[in-house]
């Protein structure tokens, strides 16, 4: 046989065989990728949260919310909306639940809820220049609420408030009600700014019905 005859068996390419030591390949090669965990509110950037809320609300409501922001914030959230290709339904649900919870806390908060605030929150909410309004508001409230506020404040702030309480002359009930609304709104503003937290409005969801 000449040298140009068909190659010998030893020179033919051998068919591929799996190495017994290697794991099997193909569709049966073990479980697929681990399912992604559902998003948490803490893992979502604040700017994306704002964008998700705005695209989830009616356009008229979103426009009203944007009207309360400064130009820089409007541009930032508008750009975030423009670059969002889609919103995962689970992510949207988490954001809207947090937004609703925050809204309920603000909506339901009244002056009497100071009794359920932590001492640190009360200290952050009280300012000496507002002591007169606090004194008038507390004058028309129950004794446990007055004791709660005075006990939460540091010594110097408590002394300032106590002096204003003792210096109050005759007052009308309507005056103390106005003061309570005023102090409650100041506390809500601090909450909006992220300076303090408000107590959970448990049991008050019926106000929205």
N, C-alpha and C. Protein backbone atom coordinates (compact mmCIF):
# COMPACT_ATOMS: atom_id res chain seq x y z
N UNK A 1 0.86 -1.19 0.00
CA UNK A 1 0.00 0.00 0.00
C UNK A 1 0.88 1.22 0.00
N UNK A 2 0.50 2.20 -0.79
CA UNK A 2 1.33 3.40 -0.91
C UNK A 2 1.15 4.29 0.28
N UNK A 3 2.02 5.32 0.39
CA UNK A 3 1.98 6.26 1.52
C UNK A 3 0.79 7.15 1.46
N UNK A 4 0.11 7.20 0.28
CA UNK A 4 -1.05 8.10 0.16
C UNK A 4 -2.35 7.39 0.44
N UNK A 5 -2.29 6.18 0.94
CA UNK A 5 -3.52 5.43 1.25
C UNK A 5 -4.20 6.04 2.45
N UNK A 6 -5.42 5.57 2.78
CA UNK A 6 -6.22 6.16 3.87
C UNK A 6 -5.47 6.07 5.19
N UNK A 7 -5.67 7.02 6.07
CA UNK A 7 -4.93 7.03 7.35
C UNK A 7 -5.29 5.84 8.19
N UNK A 8 -4.39 5.46 9.02
CA UNK A 8 -4.61 4.33 9.92
C UNK A 8 -5.56 4.71 11.03
N UNK A 9 -6.08 3.70 11.73
CA UNK A 9 -7.02 3.96 12.82
C UNK A 9 -6.42 4.82 13.90
N UNK A 10 -5.06 4.66 14.07
CA UNK A 10 -4.43 5.44 15.14
C UNK A 10 -4.36 6.91 14.83
N UNK A 11 -4.47 7.28 13.51
CA UNK A 11 -4.36 8.70 13.16
C UNK A 11 -5.72 9.37 13.01
N UNK A 12 -6.81 8.58 13.09
CA UNK A 12 -8.13 9.18 12.97
C UNK A 12 -8.50 9.90 14.27
N UNK A 13 -9.23 11.02 14.16
CA UNK A 13 -9.65 11.70 15.40
C UNK A 13 -10.61 10.85 16.18
N UNK A 14 -10.38 10.75 17.46
CA UNK A 14 -11.22 9.93 18.32
C UNK A 14 -12.47 10.72 18.72
N UNK A 15 -13.60 10.03 18.82
CA UNK A 15 -14.81 10.73 19.27
C UNK A 15 -14.65 11.23 20.71
N UNK A 16 -15.34 12.40 21.02
CA UNK A 16 -15.21 12.97 22.37
C UNK A 16 -15.91 12.09 23.38
N UNK A 17 -15.26 11.86 24.49
CA UNK A 17 -15.87 11.11 25.57
C UNK A 17 -15.75 11.91 26.86
N UNK A 18 -16.78 11.84 27.68
CA UNK A 18 -16.73 12.54 28.96
C UNK A 18 -15.73 11.89 29.88
N UNK A 19 -15.01 12.72 30.58
CA UNK A 19 -14.12 12.21 31.61
C UNK A 19 -14.99 11.82 32.80
N UNK A 20 -14.88 10.59 33.25
CA UNK A 20 -15.71 10.19 34.39
C UNK A 20 -15.54 11.08 35.60
N UNK A 21 -14.38 11.75 35.71
CA UNK A 21 -14.13 12.61 36.85
C UNK A 21 -14.84 13.95 36.73
N UNK A 22 -15.27 14.32 35.48
CA UNK A 22 -15.92 15.61 35.29
C UNK A 22 -17.41 15.49 35.56
N UNK A 23 -18.05 16.58 36.03
CA UNK A 23 -19.49 16.53 36.23
C UNK A 23 -20.20 16.44 34.90
N UNK A 24 -21.37 15.82 34.84
CA UNK A 24 -22.10 15.70 33.57
C UNK A 24 -22.45 17.06 33.02
N UNK A 25 -22.48 17.14 31.69
CA UNK A 25 -22.78 18.39 31.01
C UNK A 25 -24.17 18.34 30.40
N UNK A 26 -24.65 19.52 30.03
CA UNK A 26 -25.94 19.57 29.37
C UNK A 26 -27.04 19.97 30.33
N UNK A 27 -28.31 19.79 29.90
CA UNK A 27 -29.45 20.25 30.69
C UNK A 27 -29.54 19.62 32.06
N UNK A 28 -28.95 18.44 32.22
CA UNK A 28 -29.08 17.75 33.50
C UNK A 28 -27.95 18.10 34.46
N UNK A 29 -27.18 19.13 34.15
CA UNK A 29 -25.98 19.44 34.95
C UNK A 29 -26.33 20.28 36.16
N UNK A 30 -27.23 19.80 37.02
CA UNK A 30 -27.48 20.46 38.28
C UNK A 30 -28.52 21.56 38.20
N UNK A 31 -28.84 22.20 39.34
CA UNK A 31 -29.89 23.22 39.38
C UNK A 31 -29.48 24.48 38.63
N UNK A 32 -30.47 25.27 38.22
CA UNK A 32 -30.21 26.51 37.52
C UNK A 32 -29.80 27.61 38.47
N UNK A 33 -29.77 28.85 37.99
CA UNK A 33 -29.34 29.96 38.83
C UNK A 33 -30.29 30.18 40.00
N UNK A 34 -29.73 30.61 41.11
CA UNK A 34 -30.53 30.87 42.31
C UNK A 34 -31.46 32.05 42.06
N UNK A 35 -32.75 31.90 42.35
CA UNK A 35 -33.67 33.02 42.12
C UNK A 35 -33.26 34.24 42.93
N UNK A 36 -33.40 35.41 42.32
CA UNK A 36 -33.03 36.65 43.00
C UNK A 36 -33.97 36.91 44.16
N UNK A 37 -33.41 37.42 45.26
CA UNK A 37 -34.24 37.75 46.41
C UNK A 37 -35.08 38.98 46.09
N UNK A 38 -36.30 39.07 46.66
CA UNK A 38 -37.13 40.25 46.41
C UNK A 38 -36.44 41.51 46.94
N UNK A 39 -36.61 42.63 46.27
CA UNK A 39 -35.93 43.87 46.70
C UNK A 39 -36.44 44.34 48.06
N UNK A 40 -35.57 45.02 48.77
CA UNK A 40 -35.95 45.64 50.04
C UNK A 40 -35.89 47.15 49.87
N UNK A 41 -36.64 47.86 50.71
CA UNK A 41 -36.67 49.32 50.61
C UNK A 41 -35.28 49.92 50.80
N UNK A 42 -34.47 49.30 51.68
CA UNK A 42 -33.14 49.85 51.96
C UNK A 42 -32.19 49.70 50.79
N UNK A 43 -32.45 48.72 49.90
CA UNK A 43 -31.54 48.47 48.78
C UNK A 43 -31.84 49.35 47.56
N UNK A 44 -32.92 50.10 47.59
CA UNK A 44 -33.31 50.92 46.45
C UNK A 44 -32.86 52.37 46.69
N UNK A 45 -32.08 52.96 45.79
CA UNK A 45 -31.61 54.34 45.99
C UNK A 45 -32.78 55.31 46.10
N UNK A 46 -32.65 56.35 46.94
CA UNK A 46 -33.74 57.31 47.14
C UNK A 46 -34.23 57.96 45.84
N UNK A 47 -33.31 58.28 44.92
CA UNK A 47 -33.72 58.92 43.68
C UNK A 47 -34.59 57.97 42.84
N UNK A 48 -34.24 56.70 42.84
CA UNK A 48 -35.06 55.73 42.09
C UNK A 48 -36.42 55.57 42.77
N UNK A 49 -36.44 55.60 44.09
CA UNK A 49 -37.72 55.52 44.79
C UNK A 49 -38.63 56.66 44.37
N UNK A 50 -38.07 57.87 44.33
CA UNK A 50 -38.87 59.04 43.94
C UNK A 50 -39.40 58.88 42.52
N UNK A 51 -38.56 58.38 41.63
CA UNK A 51 -38.98 58.19 40.24
C UNK A 51 -40.09 57.16 40.14
N UNK A 52 -39.96 56.06 40.89
CA UNK A 52 -40.98 55.02 40.86
C UNK A 52 -42.31 55.53 41.38
N UNK A 53 -42.26 56.31 42.46
CA UNK A 53 -43.50 56.87 43.01
C UNK A 53 -44.18 57.78 41.99
N UNK A 54 -43.39 58.62 41.33
CA UNK A 54 -43.97 59.59 40.39
C UNK A 54 -44.58 58.89 39.18
N UNK A 55 -43.94 57.86 38.66
CA UNK A 55 -44.50 57.18 37.49
C UNK A 55 -45.67 56.28 37.88
N UNK A 56 -45.82 56.00 39.17
CA UNK A 56 -46.91 55.13 39.62
C UNK A 56 -48.18 55.92 39.92
N UNK A 57 -48.06 57.23 40.12
CA UNK A 57 -49.22 58.05 40.45
C UNK A 57 -49.84 58.65 39.20
N UNK A 58 -51.04 59.17 39.37
CA UNK A 58 -51.67 59.89 38.26
C UNK A 58 -50.83 61.11 37.91
N UNK A 59 -50.88 61.51 36.65
CA UNK A 59 -50.03 62.59 36.19
C UNK A 59 -50.30 63.89 36.94
N UNK A 60 -51.56 64.17 37.25
CA UNK A 60 -51.89 65.41 37.96
C UNK A 60 -51.28 65.42 39.36
N UNK A 61 -51.30 64.26 40.03
CA UNK A 61 -50.71 64.16 41.37
C UNK A 61 -49.19 64.29 41.30
N UNK A 62 -48.60 63.63 40.31
CA UNK A 62 -47.14 63.72 40.15
C UNK A 62 -46.71 65.16 39.89
N UNK A 63 -47.49 65.88 39.08
CA UNK A 63 -47.16 67.27 38.77
C UNK A 63 -47.21 68.13 40.03
N UNK A 64 -48.19 67.88 40.90
CA UNK A 64 -48.29 68.63 42.14
C UNK A 64 -47.10 68.35 43.05
N UNK A 65 -46.66 67.10 43.09
CA UNK A 65 -45.50 66.76 43.92
C UNK A 65 -44.24 67.43 43.38
N UNK A 66 -44.06 67.42 42.06
CA UNK A 66 -42.88 68.05 41.47
C UNK A 66 -42.87 69.56 41.73
N UNK A 67 -44.05 70.15 41.83
CA UNK A 67 -44.13 71.60 42.05
C UNK A 67 -43.54 72.01 43.39
N UNK A 68 -43.45 71.05 44.33
CA UNK A 68 -42.90 71.37 45.66
C UNK A 68 -41.39 71.16 45.73
N UNK A 69 -40.78 70.70 44.64
CA UNK A 69 -39.34 70.47 44.63
C UNK A 69 -38.61 71.63 43.97
N UNK A 70 -37.33 71.81 44.35
CA UNK A 70 -36.54 72.85 43.69
C UNK A 70 -36.12 72.35 42.31
N UNK A 71 -35.60 73.27 41.50
CA UNK A 71 -35.29 72.95 40.10
C UNK A 71 -34.27 71.83 39.98
N UNK A 72 -33.28 71.83 40.85
CA UNK A 72 -32.23 70.80 40.78
C UNK A 72 -32.83 69.41 41.06
N UNK A 73 -33.71 69.34 42.05
CA UNK A 73 -34.33 68.06 42.37
C UNK A 73 -35.25 67.59 41.24
N UNK A 74 -35.98 68.53 40.65
CA UNK A 74 -36.87 68.19 39.53
C UNK A 74 -36.06 67.61 38.37
N UNK A 75 -34.94 68.25 38.05
CA UNK A 75 -34.10 67.78 36.94
C UNK A 75 -33.55 66.38 37.24
N UNK A 76 -33.13 66.16 38.50
CA UNK A 76 -32.55 64.87 38.87
C UNK A 76 -33.57 63.75 38.75
N UNK A 77 -34.76 63.96 39.29
CA UNK A 77 -35.77 62.90 39.27
C UNK A 77 -36.34 62.72 37.86
N UNK A 78 -36.41 63.80 37.08
CA UNK A 78 -36.88 63.69 35.70
C UNK A 78 -35.90 62.86 34.88
N UNK A 79 -34.60 63.08 35.09
CA UNK A 79 -33.58 62.30 34.38
C UNK A 79 -33.64 60.83 34.81
N UNK A 80 -33.89 60.60 36.08
CA UNK A 80 -33.99 59.22 36.56
C UNK A 80 -35.18 58.51 35.92
N UNK A 81 -36.29 59.22 35.76
CA UNK A 81 -37.47 58.64 35.11
C UNK A 81 -37.15 58.31 33.64
N UNK A 82 -36.44 59.22 32.98
CA UNK A 82 -36.13 59.04 31.56
C UNK A 82 -35.22 57.83 31.33
N UNK A 83 -34.33 57.54 32.26
CA UNK A 83 -33.39 56.44 32.05
C UNK A 83 -33.91 55.11 32.58
N UNK A 84 -35.07 55.10 33.21
CA UNK A 84 -35.65 53.85 33.68
C UNK A 84 -36.32 53.12 32.51
N UNK A 85 -35.87 51.93 32.20
CA UNK A 85 -36.49 51.18 31.11
C UNK A 85 -37.75 50.47 31.58
N UNK A 86 -37.71 49.91 32.76
CA UNK A 86 -38.88 49.23 33.30
C UNK A 86 -38.78 49.20 34.82
N UNK A 87 -39.92 48.96 35.45
CA UNK A 87 -39.96 48.86 36.91
C UNK A 87 -40.48 47.47 37.27
N UNK A 88 -39.69 46.74 38.02
CA UNK A 88 -40.10 45.43 38.45
C UNK A 88 -41.31 45.56 39.38
N UNK A 89 -42.37 44.78 39.17
CA UNK A 89 -43.57 44.90 40.01
C UNK A 89 -43.29 44.73 41.50
N UNK A 90 -42.36 43.83 41.86
CA UNK A 90 -42.02 43.65 43.27
C UNK A 90 -41.34 44.90 43.83
N UNK A 91 -40.45 45.48 43.03
CA UNK A 91 -39.77 46.70 43.44
C UNK A 91 -40.77 47.83 43.60
N UNK A 92 -41.70 47.95 42.67
CA UNK A 92 -42.72 48.99 42.74
C UNK A 92 -43.59 48.82 43.99
N UNK A 93 -43.95 47.59 44.31
CA UNK A 93 -44.78 47.34 45.49
C UNK A 93 -44.06 47.73 46.77
N UNK A 94 -42.76 47.43 46.85
CA UNK A 94 -41.98 47.78 48.04
C UNK A 94 -41.92 49.29 48.21
N UNK A 95 -41.66 50.01 47.12
CA UNK A 95 -41.54 51.46 47.18
C UNK A 95 -42.87 52.11 47.56
N UNK A 96 -43.95 51.67 46.94
CA UNK A 96 -45.26 52.26 47.22
C UNK A 96 -45.72 51.95 48.64
N UNK A 97 -45.37 50.77 49.14
CA UNK A 97 -45.72 50.44 50.52
C UNK A 97 -45.00 51.36 51.49
N UNK A 98 -43.71 51.61 51.22
CA UNK A 98 -42.96 52.52 52.09
C UNK A 98 -43.52 53.94 51.99
N UNK A 99 -43.83 54.37 50.77
CA UNK A 99 -44.37 55.71 50.56
C UNK A 99 -45.69 55.87 51.29
N UNK A 100 -46.57 54.87 51.20
CA UNK A 100 -47.86 54.93 51.87
C UNK A 100 -47.68 54.97 53.38
N UNK A 101 -46.74 54.17 53.89
CA UNK A 101 -46.49 54.17 55.32
C UNK A 101 -46.03 55.52 55.83
N UNK A 102 -45.12 56.15 55.07
CA UNK A 102 -44.64 57.47 55.45
C UNK A 102 -45.77 58.49 55.41
N UNK A 103 -46.60 58.39 54.37
CA UNK A 103 -47.71 59.33 54.26
C UNK A 103 -48.71 59.18 55.37
N UNK A 104 -48.97 57.92 55.79
CA UNK A 104 -49.90 57.69 56.87
C UNK A 104 -49.38 58.26 58.18
N UNK A 105 -48.09 58.11 58.41
CA UNK A 105 -47.52 58.64 59.65
C UNK A 105 -47.71 60.15 59.73
N UNK A 106 -47.45 60.81 58.62
CA UNK A 106 -47.60 62.26 58.62
C UNK A 106 -49.05 62.67 58.73
N UNK A 107 -49.91 61.99 57.97
CA UNK A 107 -51.32 62.34 57.93
C UNK A 107 -51.99 62.13 59.28
N UNK A 108 -51.64 61.04 59.95
CA UNK A 108 -52.33 60.67 61.19
C UNK A 108 -51.77 61.36 62.43
N UNK A 109 -50.58 61.94 62.33
CA UNK A 109 -49.94 62.48 63.53
C UNK A 109 -50.68 63.70 64.07
N UNK A 110 -50.98 63.67 65.36
CA UNK A 110 -51.56 64.81 66.07
C UNK A 110 -50.72 65.05 67.32
N UNK A 111 -50.97 66.17 67.99
CA UNK A 111 -50.12 66.54 69.11
C UNK A 111 -50.12 65.48 70.21
N UNK A 112 -51.26 64.84 70.45
CA UNK A 112 -51.34 63.83 71.51
C UNK A 112 -50.40 62.65 71.25
N UNK A 113 -49.99 62.47 69.98
CA UNK A 113 -49.09 61.37 69.66
C UNK A 113 -47.67 61.61 70.14
N UNK A 114 -47.39 62.81 70.64
CA UNK A 114 -46.08 63.07 71.25
C UNK A 114 -45.86 62.09 72.40
N UNK A 115 -46.95 61.68 73.03
CA UNK A 115 -46.86 60.73 74.13
C UNK A 115 -46.23 59.41 73.69
N UNK A 116 -46.34 59.07 72.40
CA UNK A 116 -45.80 57.81 71.88
C UNK A 116 -44.44 57.99 71.20
N UNK A 117 -43.92 59.20 71.21
CA UNK A 117 -42.61 59.45 70.62
C UNK A 117 -41.51 59.06 71.59
N UNK A 118 -40.36 58.70 71.06
CA UNK A 118 -39.21 58.41 71.90
C UNK A 118 -38.64 59.68 72.51
N UNK A 119 -37.92 59.54 73.60
CA UNK A 119 -37.34 60.70 74.27
C UNK A 119 -36.39 61.46 73.35
N UNK A 120 -35.58 60.73 72.60
CA UNK A 120 -34.63 61.38 71.70
C UNK A 120 -35.35 62.17 70.62
N UNK A 121 -36.49 61.64 70.13
CA UNK A 121 -37.27 62.35 69.11
C UNK A 121 -37.86 63.63 69.69
N UNK A 122 -38.33 63.58 70.93
CA UNK A 122 -38.89 64.78 71.57
C UNK A 122 -37.81 65.83 71.76
N UNK A 123 -36.64 65.41 72.19
CA UNK A 123 -35.55 66.37 72.38
C UNK A 123 -35.18 67.03 71.06
N UNK A 124 -35.19 66.27 69.97
CA UNK A 124 -34.87 66.82 68.66
C UNK A 124 -35.97 67.75 68.16
N UNK A 125 -37.21 67.50 68.58
CA UNK A 125 -38.34 68.30 68.10
C UNK A 125 -38.52 69.59 68.89
N UNK A 126 -38.04 69.61 70.12
CA UNK A 126 -38.24 70.80 70.97
C UNK A 126 -37.10 71.80 70.76
N UNK A 127 -37.48 73.07 70.54
CA UNK A 127 -36.52 74.16 70.46
C UNK A 127 -36.94 75.26 71.43
N UNK A 128 -35.97 75.82 72.11
CA UNK A 128 -36.28 76.79 73.17
C UNK A 128 -37.08 77.97 72.64
N UNK A 129 -36.84 78.37 71.39
CA UNK A 129 -37.58 79.51 70.85
C UNK A 129 -39.06 79.17 70.63
N UNK A 130 -39.40 77.89 70.64
CA UNK A 130 -40.79 77.47 70.50
C UNK A 130 -41.43 77.11 71.83
N UNK A 131 -40.74 77.42 72.93
CA UNK A 131 -41.20 76.98 74.24
C UNK A 131 -42.59 77.53 74.58
N UNK A 132 -42.88 78.75 74.14
CA UNK A 132 -44.19 79.34 74.44
C UNK A 132 -45.31 78.54 73.78
N UNK A 133 -45.11 78.17 72.52
CA UNK A 133 -46.12 77.37 71.82
C UNK A 133 -46.26 75.99 72.46
N UNK A 134 -45.13 75.38 72.83
CA UNK A 134 -45.18 74.08 73.49
C UNK A 134 -45.92 74.18 74.82
N UNK A 135 -45.64 75.23 75.59
CA UNK A 135 -46.29 75.39 76.90
C UNK A 135 -47.80 75.53 76.75
N UNK A 136 -48.24 76.34 75.80
CA UNK A 136 -49.67 76.53 75.58
C UNK A 136 -50.31 75.24 75.09
N UNK A 137 -49.61 74.51 74.23
CA UNK A 137 -50.13 73.23 73.74
C UNK A 137 -50.25 72.21 74.87
N UNK A 138 -49.24 72.17 75.74
CA UNK A 138 -49.26 71.22 76.85
C UNK A 138 -50.26 71.60 77.93
N UNK A 139 -50.55 72.89 78.04
CA UNK A 139 -51.49 73.34 79.07
C UNK A 139 -52.88 72.74 78.88
N UNK A 140 -53.23 72.47 77.64
CA UNK A 140 -54.54 71.89 77.37
C UNK A 140 -54.51 70.39 77.17
N UNK A 141 -53.39 69.75 77.48
CA UNK A 141 -53.25 68.30 77.29
C UNK A 141 -53.32 67.58 78.63
N UNK A 142 -53.35 66.26 78.59
CA UNK A 142 -53.43 65.46 79.81
C UNK A 142 -52.10 65.48 80.56
N UNK A 143 -52.13 65.34 81.89
CA UNK A 143 -50.90 65.36 82.68
C UNK A 143 -49.84 64.36 82.23
N UNK A 144 -50.19 63.13 81.79
CA UNK A 144 -49.13 62.21 81.34
C UNK A 144 -48.33 62.75 80.16
N UNK A 145 -48.97 63.51 79.30
CA UNK A 145 -48.25 64.06 78.15
C UNK A 145 -47.28 65.15 78.59
N UNK A 146 -47.73 65.99 79.53
CA UNK A 146 -46.81 67.02 80.06
C UNK A 146 -45.62 66.37 80.75
N UNK A 147 -45.89 65.32 81.53
CA UNK A 147 -44.80 64.64 82.23
C UNK A 147 -43.85 63.97 81.24
N UNK A 148 -44.40 63.42 80.16
CA UNK A 148 -43.57 62.76 79.15
C UNK A 148 -42.60 63.75 78.53
N UNK A 149 -43.10 64.92 78.14
CA UNK A 149 -42.24 65.91 77.48
C UNK A 149 -41.19 66.44 78.44
N UNK A 150 -41.60 66.82 79.64
CA UNK A 150 -40.65 67.37 80.61
C UNK A 150 -39.60 66.32 80.99
N UNK A 151 -39.99 65.05 81.06
CA UNK A 151 -39.05 64.00 81.41
C UNK A 151 -38.08 63.67 80.29
N UNK A 152 -38.49 63.92 79.05
CA UNK A 152 -37.63 63.60 77.91
C UNK A 152 -36.57 64.66 77.67
N UNK A 153 -36.87 65.92 78.01
CA UNK A 153 -35.94 67.02 77.73
C UNK A 153 -34.76 67.00 78.68
N UNK A 154 -33.66 67.58 78.24
CA UNK A 154 -32.53 67.74 79.16
C UNK A 154 -32.88 68.81 80.19
N UNK A 155 -32.05 68.94 81.22
CA UNK A 155 -32.40 69.78 82.36
C UNK A 155 -32.66 71.23 81.97
N UNK A 156 -31.81 71.80 81.12
CA UNK A 156 -31.96 73.21 80.78
C UNK A 156 -33.21 73.45 79.94
N UNK A 157 -33.48 72.58 78.99
CA UNK A 157 -34.67 72.73 78.15
C UNK A 157 -35.94 72.52 78.98
N UNK A 158 -35.91 71.54 79.88
CA UNK A 158 -37.08 71.29 80.74
C UNK A 158 -37.35 72.49 81.63
N UNK A 159 -36.30 73.15 82.11
CA UNK A 159 -36.47 74.32 82.96
C UNK A 159 -37.10 75.46 82.19
N UNK A 160 -36.67 75.67 80.94
CA UNK A 160 -37.25 76.72 80.10
C UNK A 160 -38.74 76.45 79.88
N UNK A 161 -39.08 75.22 79.57
CA UNK A 161 -40.47 74.88 79.32
C UNK A 161 -41.30 75.00 80.59
N UNK A 162 -40.76 74.55 81.71
CA UNK A 162 -41.48 74.63 82.98
C UNK A 162 -41.78 76.08 83.35
N UNK A 163 -40.84 76.97 83.10
CA UNK A 163 -41.06 78.39 83.42
C UNK A 163 -42.16 78.97 82.55
N UNK A 164 -42.21 78.58 81.29
CA UNK A 164 -43.28 79.05 80.41
C UNK A 164 -44.64 78.50 80.85
N UNK A 165 -44.65 77.27 81.32
CA UNK A 165 -45.90 76.69 81.80
C UNK A 165 -46.39 77.43 83.05
N UNK A 166 -45.48 77.72 83.95
CA UNK A 166 -45.85 78.42 85.18
C UNK A 166 -46.23 79.86 84.91
N UNK A 167 -45.69 80.44 83.84
CA UNK A 167 -45.97 81.84 83.54
C UNK A 167 -47.23 82.06 82.72
N UNK A 168 -47.88 80.97 82.33
CA UNK A 168 -49.10 81.11 81.54
C UNK A 168 -50.22 81.73 82.39
N UNK A 169 -50.87 82.74 81.84
CA UNK A 169 -52.05 83.28 82.48
C UNK A 169 -53.28 82.55 82.00
N UNK A 170 -54.44 83.12 82.20
CA UNK A 170 -55.67 82.51 81.69
C UNK A 170 -55.61 82.38 80.17
N UNK A 171 -56.10 81.27 79.67
CA UNK A 171 -56.09 81.07 78.22
C UNK A 171 -57.39 80.38 77.82
N UNK A 172 -57.74 80.57 76.56
CA UNK A 172 -58.94 79.94 76.02
C UNK A 172 -58.58 78.57 75.46
N UNK A 173 -59.55 77.67 75.49
CA UNK A 173 -59.32 76.33 74.95
C UNK A 173 -58.96 76.39 73.48
N UNK A 174 -59.56 77.32 72.76
CA UNK A 174 -59.24 77.45 71.33
C UNK A 174 -57.78 77.84 71.13
N UNK A 175 -57.22 78.60 72.06
CA UNK A 175 -55.81 79.00 71.95
C UNK A 175 -54.89 77.78 72.07
N UNK A 176 -55.19 76.91 73.02
CA UNK A 176 -54.34 75.74 73.20
C UNK A 176 -54.51 74.77 72.04
N UNK A 177 -55.70 74.71 71.46
CA UNK A 177 -55.92 73.84 70.30
C UNK A 177 -55.12 74.33 69.10
N UNK A 178 -55.08 75.66 68.92
CA UNK A 178 -54.28 76.23 67.84
C UNK A 178 -52.79 75.93 68.06
N UNK A 179 -52.34 76.05 69.31
CA UNK A 179 -50.94 75.77 69.62
C UNK A 179 -50.60 74.31 69.37
N UNK A 180 -51.50 73.42 69.69
CA UNK A 180 -51.26 72.00 69.46
C UNK A 180 -51.12 71.70 67.97
N UNK A 181 -51.98 72.31 67.16
CA UNK A 181 -51.89 72.13 65.71
C UNK A 181 -50.57 72.69 65.19
N UNK A 182 -50.16 73.84 65.72
CA UNK A 182 -48.92 74.48 65.27
C UNK A 182 -47.71 73.63 65.62
N UNK A 183 -47.65 73.12 66.84
CA UNK A 183 -46.51 72.30 67.25
C UNK A 183 -46.50 70.98 66.47
N UNK A 184 -47.67 70.39 66.26
CA UNK A 184 -47.74 69.14 65.50
C UNK A 184 -47.23 69.34 64.08
N UNK A 185 -47.56 70.47 63.47
CA UNK A 185 -47.10 70.73 62.10
C UNK A 185 -45.59 70.95 62.08
N UNK A 186 -45.02 71.57 63.08
CA UNK A 186 -43.57 71.74 63.15
C UNK A 186 -42.88 70.38 63.26
N UNK A 187 -43.50 69.48 64.01
CA UNK A 187 -42.93 68.13 64.15
C UNK A 187 -43.03 67.39 62.81
N UNK A 188 -44.14 67.56 62.10
CA UNK A 188 -44.28 66.92 60.79
C UNK A 188 -43.21 67.43 59.82
N UNK A 189 -42.91 68.71 59.87
CA UNK A 189 -41.89 69.28 58.99
C UNK A 189 -40.52 68.66 59.29
N UNK A 190 -40.22 68.49 60.57
CA UNK A 190 -38.96 67.85 60.95
C UNK A 190 -38.92 66.41 60.43
N UNK A 191 -40.06 65.75 60.45
CA UNK A 191 -40.16 64.40 59.90
C UNK A 191 -39.91 64.42 58.40
N UNK A 192 -40.50 65.39 57.70
CA UNK A 192 -40.29 65.51 56.26
C UNK A 192 -38.82 65.71 55.93
N UNK A 193 -38.12 66.42 56.80
CA UNK A 193 -36.70 66.70 56.59
C UNK A 193 -35.80 65.54 57.00
N UNK A 194 -36.39 64.50 57.57
CA UNK A 194 -35.61 63.36 58.01
C UNK A 194 -34.91 63.55 59.33
N UNK A 195 -35.27 64.62 60.07
CA UNK A 195 -34.60 64.91 61.34
C UNK A 195 -35.11 64.02 62.47
N UNK A 196 -36.37 63.61 62.41
CA UNK A 196 -36.95 62.76 63.45
C UNK A 196 -37.83 61.71 62.79
N UNK A 197 -38.27 60.76 63.59
CA UNK A 197 -39.22 59.76 63.13
C UNK A 197 -40.53 59.97 63.88
N UNK A 198 -41.63 59.52 63.30
CA UNK A 198 -42.93 59.63 63.93
C UNK A 198 -43.41 58.25 64.35
N UNK A 199 -44.24 58.18 65.38
CA UNK A 199 -44.74 56.87 65.81
C UNK A 199 -45.61 56.23 64.74
N UNK A 200 -45.66 54.91 64.77
CA UNK A 200 -46.47 54.15 63.82
C UNK A 200 -47.95 54.49 64.02
N UNK A 201 -48.65 54.86 62.95
CA UNK A 201 -50.07 55.21 63.10
C UNK A 201 -50.95 53.98 63.19
N UNK A 202 -50.62 53.03 64.07
CA UNK A 202 -51.35 51.78 64.16
C UNK A 202 -52.80 52.03 64.54
N UNK A 203 -53.68 51.38 63.80
CA UNK A 203 -55.09 51.49 64.11
C UNK A 203 -55.76 52.73 63.58
N UNK A 204 -55.04 53.54 62.74
CA UNK A 204 -55.63 54.77 62.27
C UNK A 204 -55.86 54.77 60.77
N UNK A 205 -55.66 53.63 60.13
CA UNK A 205 -55.83 53.59 58.69
C UNK A 205 -57.25 53.93 58.28
N UNK A 206 -58.22 53.82 59.21
CA UNK A 206 -59.61 54.07 58.85
C UNK A 206 -59.87 55.52 58.45
N UNK A 207 -58.93 56.41 58.75
CA UNK A 207 -59.14 57.81 58.38
C UNK A 207 -59.14 57.97 56.87
N UNK A 208 -58.57 57.00 56.13
CA UNK A 208 -58.52 57.12 54.69
C UNK A 208 -59.77 56.55 54.02
N UNK A 209 -60.61 55.88 54.80
CA UNK A 209 -61.80 55.25 54.21
C UNK A 209 -62.91 56.27 54.02
